[in-house]
Amino acid sequence: MRRAGLLIVAFLIASWSVRSDAQLIVKSGTSAVQFLKIGVGSRAVAMGEAFVATADDISAIYWNPAGLASLEKNNVMFFHANWIADISYDFGAFAVPMGKWGTFGGFFTTLGVPEDLVRTVHDPEGTGERFTATDIAIGVTYARQITDRFSFGISGKYIKERIWNMTASSVAMDVGILYISQFHNLRIGMAMSNFGTKMRMYGRNALLFVDIDPTIDGNNEAIRAHLDMEQWDIPLRFQVGIAFDPIQKNGMKLTVGVDAIHPIDNREFVNTGMEFSLMNTFFLRAGFRNIGIYKREGGFCAGGGLRMKMSGALLDLSYAYADYGRLSSVHRYTISIAF
């Protein structure tokens, strides 16, 4: 009986491990438009992307739209990242507070892949043609404070992906809530991102010329046909987090945040980070992301920022570094203006 019990326990452990690995294999890479998962805003990225509960600047339009309700001035933001493999990623946003009517905003995202040769099995050195690939997302956001401590936000967006002569599109929404308590300014945030329709590629690269029956001579050997492309989900994600300020005196402030994320295409993971500010002018940030991801690439993030007053406006300049292990590192730059 003892041996049987040990065998059963060993079998259960082995089954759980196999099932876990199988789930990783099945879920990884099973969603389209991966650019929607690229974190926005150097401040949030430097804090390990643990930002769903902090979300108190214009980059909240990406992390938790409810955070826009706390803005008191008009805001614009431009964000650029030199992504992996010479890919260029840009994000821009604006927000306009309208008093009791809430806050309205809009944003756009673009990702571009450098032009390259079209290669096939028969022409591995190139066919003489060249191709590019681009992703875009354009959206609008509305946020409002329900009470002095509770806010709600929602975004709608149109997403389009193009690879050579093939395109796919989707519509999606983000929803977020934010609650602020009286204990060390503890914030609790929750957000659902990229809830939308599936995507399917269409275009002339799926066009084929087929001979229905090669055994028959004299029939039409070039009947037009199209490949029936598979539908793919977009990267739906649920995120919940907390943030608080354990130090806030003598012009110094320390903010700590922790987020738990449940993505549709990977295992659950945790992000954590912190920000130290001096006189609300100089900022140092650090964090660690993707804690719990199986065989993750990198994870450490860091950066800093500077805030200046210029003719009645506030100018924020921020930088973030993120380690991606064997894929090297990514540098991000952000400029935002509140006026």
Protein backbone atom coordinates (compact mmCIF):
# COMPACT_ATOMS: atom_id res chain seq x y z
CA MET A 1 0.00 0.00 0.00
CA ARG A 2 2.83 2.36 0.83
CA ARG A 3 4.50 1.74 -2.52
CA ALA A 4 1.18 2.13 -4.31
CA GLY A 5 0.59 5.43 -2.52
CA LEU A 6 4.02 6.71 -3.51
CA LEU A 7 3.42 5.64 -7.11
CA ILE A 8 0.07 7.47 -7.17
CA VAL A 9 1.64 10.65 -5.75
CA ALA A 10 4.49 10.44 -8.27
CA PHE A 11 2.01 9.88 -11.10
CA LEU A 12 -0.07 12.89 -10.05
CA ILE A 13 3.01 15.12 -9.83
CA ALA A 14 4.21 13.95 -13.24
CA SER A 15 0.75 14.42 -14.75
CA TRP A 16 0.50 17.93 -13.33
CA SER A 17 3.92 18.83 -14.72
CA VAL A 18 3.11 17.44 -18.16
CA ARG A 19 -0.25 19.18 -18.17
CA SER A 20 1.35 22.47 -17.12
CA ASP A 21 3.98 22.23 -19.86
CA ALA A 22 1.33 21.25 -22.39
CA GLN A 23 -0.76 24.25 -21.42
CA LEU A 24 2.27 26.46 -21.94
CA ILE A 25 2.85 24.99 -25.39
CA VAL A 26 -0.80 25.33 -26.37
CA LYS A 27 -1.32 28.87 -25.03
CA SER A 28 1.92 30.56 -26.04
CA GLY A 29 1.72 32.28 -29.40
CA THR A 30 -2.01 31.66 -29.83
CA SER A 31 -3.17 35.27 -30.14
CA ALA A 32 -2.78 37.85 -32.88
CA VAL A 33 -1.57 41.51 -32.80
CA GLN A 34 1.07 40.98 -30.13
CA PHE A 35 1.99 44.68 -30.33
CA LEU A 36 -0.99 45.39 -28.07
CA LYS A 37 1.03 43.82 -25.23
CA ILE A 38 3.95 46.25 -25.53
CA GLY A 39 3.88 48.47 -22.44
CA VAL A 40 3.34 52.18 -22.96
CA GLY A 41 5.00 55.05 -21.09
CA SER A 42 8.59 55.05 -19.84
CA ARG A 43 7.43 55.64 -16.27
CA ALA A 44 5.21 52.56 -16.17
CA VAL A 45 7.76 50.38 -17.95
CA ALA A 46 10.59 51.42 -15.62
CA MET A 47 8.36 50.43 -12.69
CA GLY A 48 8.21 46.88 -14.02
CA GLU A 49 4.85 47.54 -15.71
CA ALA A 50 3.16 47.39 -12.29
CA PHE A 51 0.97 50.38 -13.05
CA VAL A 52 -2.70 49.41 -13.05
CA ALA A 53 -3.23 50.85 -9.56
CA THR A 54 -0.86 53.84 -9.86
CA ALA A 55 -2.30 55.01 -13.23
CA ASP A 56 -2.27 58.73 -12.39
CA ASP A 57 -0.83 60.18 -15.60
CA ILE A 58 -1.87 60.12 -19.24
CA SER A 59 -0.32 56.68 -19.84
CA ALA A 60 -3.26 55.38 -17.79
CA ILE A 61 -5.12 55.45 -21.11
CA TYR A 62 -3.26 52.19 -21.84
CA TRP A 63 -2.91 50.60 -18.39
CA ASN A 64 -6.19 51.53 -16.70
CA PRO A 65 -8.49 54.08 -18.37
CA ALA A 66 -10.09 54.88 -15.00
CA GLY A 67 -6.87 56.72 -14.06
CA LEU A 68 -7.63 59.50 -16.54
CA ALA A 69 -10.39 60.72 -14.23
CA SER A 70 -7.73 62.08 -11.84
CA LEU A 71 -6.22 64.43 -14.44
CA GLU A 72 -6.81 68.12 -13.77
CA LYS A 73 -5.17 69.56 -16.92
CA ASN A 74 -5.11 68.84 -20.62
CA ASN A 75 -2.42 66.28 -21.39
CA VAL A 76 -0.58 65.04 -24.46
CA MET A 77 2.02 62.27 -24.64
CA PHE A 78 4.40 60.88 -27.24
CA PHE A 79 6.20 57.60 -26.67
CA HIS A 80 8.83 55.83 -28.78
CA ALA A 81 10.56 52.49 -28.38
CA ASN A 82 13.40 50.97 -30.37
CA TRP A 83 11.89 47.51 -30.27
CA ILE A 84 13.59 44.18 -30.89
CA ALA A 85 14.98 43.41 -34.38
CA ASP A 86 14.95 47.06 -35.50
CA ILE A 87 11.17 47.26 -35.16
CA SER A 88 9.85 50.76 -34.50
CA TYR A 89 7.03 51.32 -32.00
CA ASP A 90 5.25 54.64 -31.38
CA PHE A 91 2.33 55.70 -29.20
CA GLY A 92 0.57 59.01 -28.84
CA ALA A 93 -2.32 60.12 -26.64
CA PHE A 94 -4.25 63.14 -25.45
CA ALA A 95 -6.72 63.72 -22.61
CA VAL A 96 -9.08 66.62 -21.91
CA PRO A 97 -10.77 66.94 -18.48
CA MET A 98 -14.33 68.29 -18.78
CA GLY A 99 -15.19 68.82 -15.11
CA LYS A 100 -18.37 67.05 -14.03
CA TRP A 101 -18.67 65.53 -17.52
CA GLY A 102 -15.57 63.42 -16.98
CA THR A 103 -12.39 63.14 -19.03
CA PHE A 104 -12.22 62.42 -22.75
CA GLY A 105 -9.15 61.11 -24.52
CA GLY A 106 -7.80 59.48 -27.63
CA PHE A 107 -4.75 57.49 -28.65
CA PHE A 108 -2.96 55.81 -31.54
CA THR A 109 -0.36 53.06 -31.74
CA THR A 110 1.85 52.11 -34.67
CA LEU A 111 4.39 49.35 -35.11
CA GLY A 112 6.52 49.02 -38.24
CA VAL A 113 8.77 46.22 -39.45
CA PRO A 114 11.71 47.15 -41.71
CA GLU A 115 11.33 46.32 -45.41
CA ASP A 116 12.79 42.94 -46.35
CA LEU A 117 13.10 40.54 -49.27
CA VAL A 118 10.31 38.13 -50.17
CA ARG A 119 11.82 34.66 -49.87
CA THR A 120 10.35 31.31 -50.85
CA VAL A 121 11.48 27.68 -50.75
CA HIS A 122 12.49 27.92 -54.40
CA ASP A 123 14.04 31.41 -54.04
CA PRO A 124 15.71 31.55 -50.62
CA GLU A 125 17.80 34.56 -51.70
CA GLY A 126 14.72 36.53 -52.69
CA THR A 127 12.21 36.72 -55.52
CA GLY A 128 13.02 40.32 -56.36
CA GLU A 129 9.98 41.55 -54.44
CA ARG A 130 10.05 43.28 -51.08
CA PHE A 131 7.50 43.34 -48.26
CA THR A 132 6.72 45.25 -45.06
CA ALA A 133 4.42 44.69 -42.09
CA THR A 134 2.60 47.25 -39.96
CA ASP A 135 0.19 47.26 -37.04
CA ILE A 136 -2.02 50.14 -35.97
CA ALA A 137 -4.57 50.78 -33.23
CA ILE A 138 -6.70 53.92 -32.89
CA GLY A 139 -9.06 54.51 -29.98
CA VAL A 140 -11.07 56.87 -27.80
CA THR A 141 -11.43 56.85 -24.01
CA TYR A 142 -13.88 58.17 -21.44
CA ALA A 143 -13.25 58.25 -17.68
CA ARG A 144 -15.21 59.67 -14.78
CA GLN A 145 -15.02 59.86 -11.00
CA ILE A 146 -18.08 58.18 -9.50
CA THR A 147 -17.12 59.37 -6.00
CA ASP A 148 -14.08 61.21 -4.64
CA ARG A 149 -12.36 57.81 -4.21
CA PHE A 150 -13.77 55.65 -6.98
CA SER A 151 -13.38 56.12 -10.75
CA PHE A 152 -14.31 54.23 -13.88
CA GLY A 153 -12.96 54.30 -17.43
CA ILE A 154 -13.63 52.66 -20.78
CA SER A 155 -11.86 52.69 -24.17
CA GLY A 156 -12.93 51.56 -27.62
CA LYS A 157 -10.40 50.90 -30.37
CA TYR A 158 -9.99 49.77 -33.93
CA ILE A 159 -7.06 47.43 -34.66
CA LYS A 160 -5.54 46.60 -38.04
CA GLU A 161 -2.64 44.39 -39.04
CA ARG A 162 -1.03 44.26 -42.49
CA ILE A 163 1.59 41.79 -43.71
CA TRP A 164 2.54 42.38 -47.37
CA ASN A 165 -0.78 42.10 -49.27
CA MET A 166 -2.76 40.56 -46.39
CA THR A 167 -4.78 42.47 -43.79
CA ALA A 168 -6.82 41.67 -40.70
CA SER A 169 -8.85 43.92 -38.41
CA SER A 170 -10.71 43.88 -35.13
CA VAL A 171 -12.59 46.14 -32.73
CA ALA A 172 -11.99 45.91 -29.00
CA MET A 173 -12.52 47.63 -25.68
CA ASP A 174 -10.65 48.21 -22.41
CA VAL A 175 -12.42 48.69 -19.08
CA GLY A 176 -10.90 49.74 -15.76
CA ILE A 177 -11.77 50.80 -12.23
CA LEU A 178 -9.67 52.51 -9.56
CA TYR A 179 -10.29 52.88 -5.83
CA ILE A 180 -8.25 55.10 -3.48
CA SER A 181 -8.31 54.37 0.26
CA GLN A 182 -7.16 56.50 3.21
CA PHE A 183 -4.45 54.07 4.35
CA HIS A 184 -1.08 55.37 3.05
CA ASN A 185 -2.96 56.45 -0.08
CA LEU A 186 -3.48 52.76 -0.92
CA ARG A 187 -4.87 52.32 -4.43
CA ILE A 188 -6.59 49.25 -5.85
CA GLY A 189 -6.95 49.00 -9.60
CA MET A 190 -8.47 46.47 -11.97
CA ALA A 191 -8.52 46.45 -15.77
CA MET A 192 -9.62 44.24 -18.61
CA SER A 193 -7.78 44.93 -21.87
CA ASN A 194 -8.36 43.89 -25.47
CA PHE A 195 -11.82 42.39 -25.19
CA GLY A 196 -12.86 42.16 -28.81
CA THR A 197 -13.50 40.26 -32.00
CA LYS A 198 -11.24 37.64 -33.54
CA MET A 199 -8.98 38.42 -36.48
CA ARG A 200 -8.60 36.68 -39.83
CA MET A 201 -6.20 37.54 -42.64
CA TYR A 202 -7.62 38.43 -46.06
CA GLY A 203 -5.83 39.42 -49.24
CA ARG A 204 -4.35 38.38 -52.56
CA ASN A 205 -1.46 36.46 -51.00
CA ALA A 206 -4.06 33.81 -50.13
CA LEU A 207 -5.01 33.45 -53.81
CA LEU A 208 -4.25 30.09 -55.42
CA PHE A 209 -4.65 28.61 -58.91
CA VAL A 210 -5.71 24.99 -58.59
CA ASP A 211 -6.09 22.07 -60.99
CA ILE A 212 -9.12 20.23 -59.60
CA ASP A 213 -8.16 16.92 -61.22
CA PRO A 214 -4.57 16.64 -62.50
CA THR A 215 -5.41 13.23 -64.06
CA ILE A 216 -7.67 14.83 -66.68
CA ASP A 217 -6.13 16.49 -69.75
CA GLY A 218 -7.70 19.56 -71.27
CA ASN A 219 -9.57 20.81 -68.21
CA ASN A 220 -9.05 24.22 -66.60
CA GLU A 221 -5.76 23.89 -64.75
CA ALA A 222 -5.89 27.34 -63.12
CA ILE A 223 -9.13 27.66 -61.21
CA ARG A 224 -9.02 30.60 -58.80
CA ALA A 225 -9.21 29.62 -55.13
CA HIS A 226 -8.53 31.26 -51.79
CA LEU A 227 -7.01 29.74 -48.68
CA ASP A 228 -9.46 29.72 -45.77
CA MET A 229 -7.37 31.46 -43.12
CA GLU A 230 -7.75 30.61 -39.43
CA GLN A 231 -9.32 33.03 -36.94
CA TRP A 232 -7.20 34.20 -34.01
CA ASP A 233 -8.08 35.82 -30.70
CA ILE A 234 -6.57 39.14 -29.74
CA PRO A 235 -4.52 39.17 -26.49
CA LEU A 236 -7.25 39.55 -23.87
CA ARG A 237 -5.80 40.32 -20.43
CA PHE A 238 -7.16 40.74 -16.91
CA GLN A 239 -5.02 42.74 -14.49
CA VAL A 240 -5.42 43.64 -10.82
CA GLY A 241 -2.97 45.57 -8.68
CA ILE A 242 -2.28 47.60 -5.59
CA ALA A 243 -0.06 50.63 -5.04
CA PHE A 244 0.76 52.67 -1.95
CA ASP A 245 3.16 55.36 -0.72
CA PRO A 246 5.10 54.14 2.35
CA ILE A 247 7.24 57.32 2.36
CA GLN A 248 5.78 60.76 1.72
CA LYS A 249 7.52 63.59 3.61
CA ASN A 250 10.18 66.31 3.30
CA GLY A 251 9.72 66.49 -0.45
CA MET A 252 10.40 62.76 -0.84
CA LYS A 253 7.91 60.17 -2.00
CA LEU A 254 8.23 56.43 -2.52
CA THR A 255 5.56 54.60 -4.48
CA VAL A 256 5.39 50.79 -4.55
CA GLY A 257 3.17 48.77 -6.88
CA VAL A 258 2.35 45.10 -7.45
CA ASP A 259 0.20 43.75 -10.30
CA ALA A 260 -1.13 40.26 -11.00
CA ILE A 261 -1.95 39.53 -14.64
CA HIS A 262 -4.01 36.77 -16.23
CA PRO A 263 -3.42 36.73 -20.03
CA ILE A 264 -5.31 34.61 -22.52
CA ASP A 265 -2.11 33.38 -24.18
CA ASN A 266 0.25 32.57 -21.33
CA ARG A 267 0.51 31.60 -17.69
CA GLU A 268 -0.42 34.07 -14.94
CA PHE A 269 2.43 36.30 -13.79
CA VAL A 270 3.27 39.18 -11.45
CA ASN A 271 4.88 42.58 -12.05
CA THR A 272 6.35 44.69 -9.27
CA GLY A 273 8.09 48.04 -9.16
CA MET A 274 8.74 51.29 -7.33
CA GLU A 275 9.32 54.98 -7.93
CA PHE A 276 11.27 57.43 -5.79
CA SER A 277 10.62 61.13 -6.37
CA LEU A 278 12.39 64.18 -4.95
CA MET A 279 10.53 67.49 -4.81
CA ASN A 280 8.17 66.09 -7.45
CA THR A 281 10.90 66.99 -9.96
CA PHE A 282 13.48 64.18 -10.08
CA PHE A 283 12.44 60.53 -10.40
CA LEU A 284 14.21 57.18 -10.12
CA ARG A 285 12.36 53.95 -10.94
CA ALA A 286 13.01 50.21 -10.96
CA GLY A 287 11.01 47.02 -11.19
CA PHE A 288 10.76 43.43 -12.31
CA ARG A 289 8.16 42.04 -14.70
CA ASN A 290 6.85 38.62 -15.81
CA ILE A 291 7.52 36.91 -12.48
CA GLY A 292 6.15 33.38 -12.90
CA ILE A 293 6.44 33.19 -16.70
CA TYR A 294 7.93 29.88 -17.85
CA LYS A 295 11.40 30.47 -19.34
CA ARG A 296 10.91 34.23 -19.54
CA GLU A 297 13.39 36.45 -21.33
CA GLY A 298 14.78 39.04 -18.91
CA GLY A 299 12.56 40.95 -16.53
CA PHE A 300 14.56 43.76 -14.90
CA CYS A 301 13.49 47.33 -15.67
CA ALA A 302 14.82 50.72 -14.59
CA GLY A 303 14.71 54.36 -15.56
CA GLY A 304 14.29 57.93 -14.51
CA GLY A 305 12.52 61.16 -15.25
CA LEU A 306 12.59 64.93 -15.00
CA ARG A 307 9.62 67.29 -14.56
CA MET A 308 9.90 71.00 -15.41
CA LYS A 309 7.59 73.99 -15.45
CA MET A 310 7.52 75.92 -18.72
CA SER A 311 5.22 78.92 -19.26
CA GLY A 312 2.47 77.53 -17.06
CA ALA A 313 2.79 74.00 -18.46
CA LEU A 314 4.42 70.90 -16.95
CA LEU A 315 6.91 69.08 -19.14
CA ASP A 316 7.79 65.47 -18.29
CA LEU A 317 10.78 63.69 -19.83
CA SER A 318 11.19 60.00 -19.02
CA TYR A 319 13.44 57.12 -20.00
CA ALA A 320 13.12 53.38 -19.39
CA TYR A 321 15.43 50.41 -19.87
CA ALA A 322 14.04 46.87 -20.04
CA ASP A 323 16.11 43.69 -20.17
CA TYR A 324 14.94 40.97 -22.57
CA GLY A 325 17.63 38.38 -21.95
CA ARG A 326 18.86 36.75 -25.15
CA LEU A 327 16.84 39.29 -27.13
CA SER A 328 19.02 42.08 -25.71
CA SER A 329 17.47 45.22 -24.19
CA VAL A 330 14.87 47.78 -25.22
CA HIS A 331 15.07 51.53 -24.61
CA ARG A 332 11.95 53.68 -24.35
CA TYR A 333 11.54 57.46 -24.40
CA THR A 334 8.52 59.52 -23.41
CA ILE A 335 7.64 63.21 -23.50
CA SER A 336 4.37 64.46 -22.01
CA ILE A 337 2.96 67.93 -21.45
CA ALA A 338 0.20 69.04 -19.07
CA PHE A 339 -1.28 72.47 -19.78
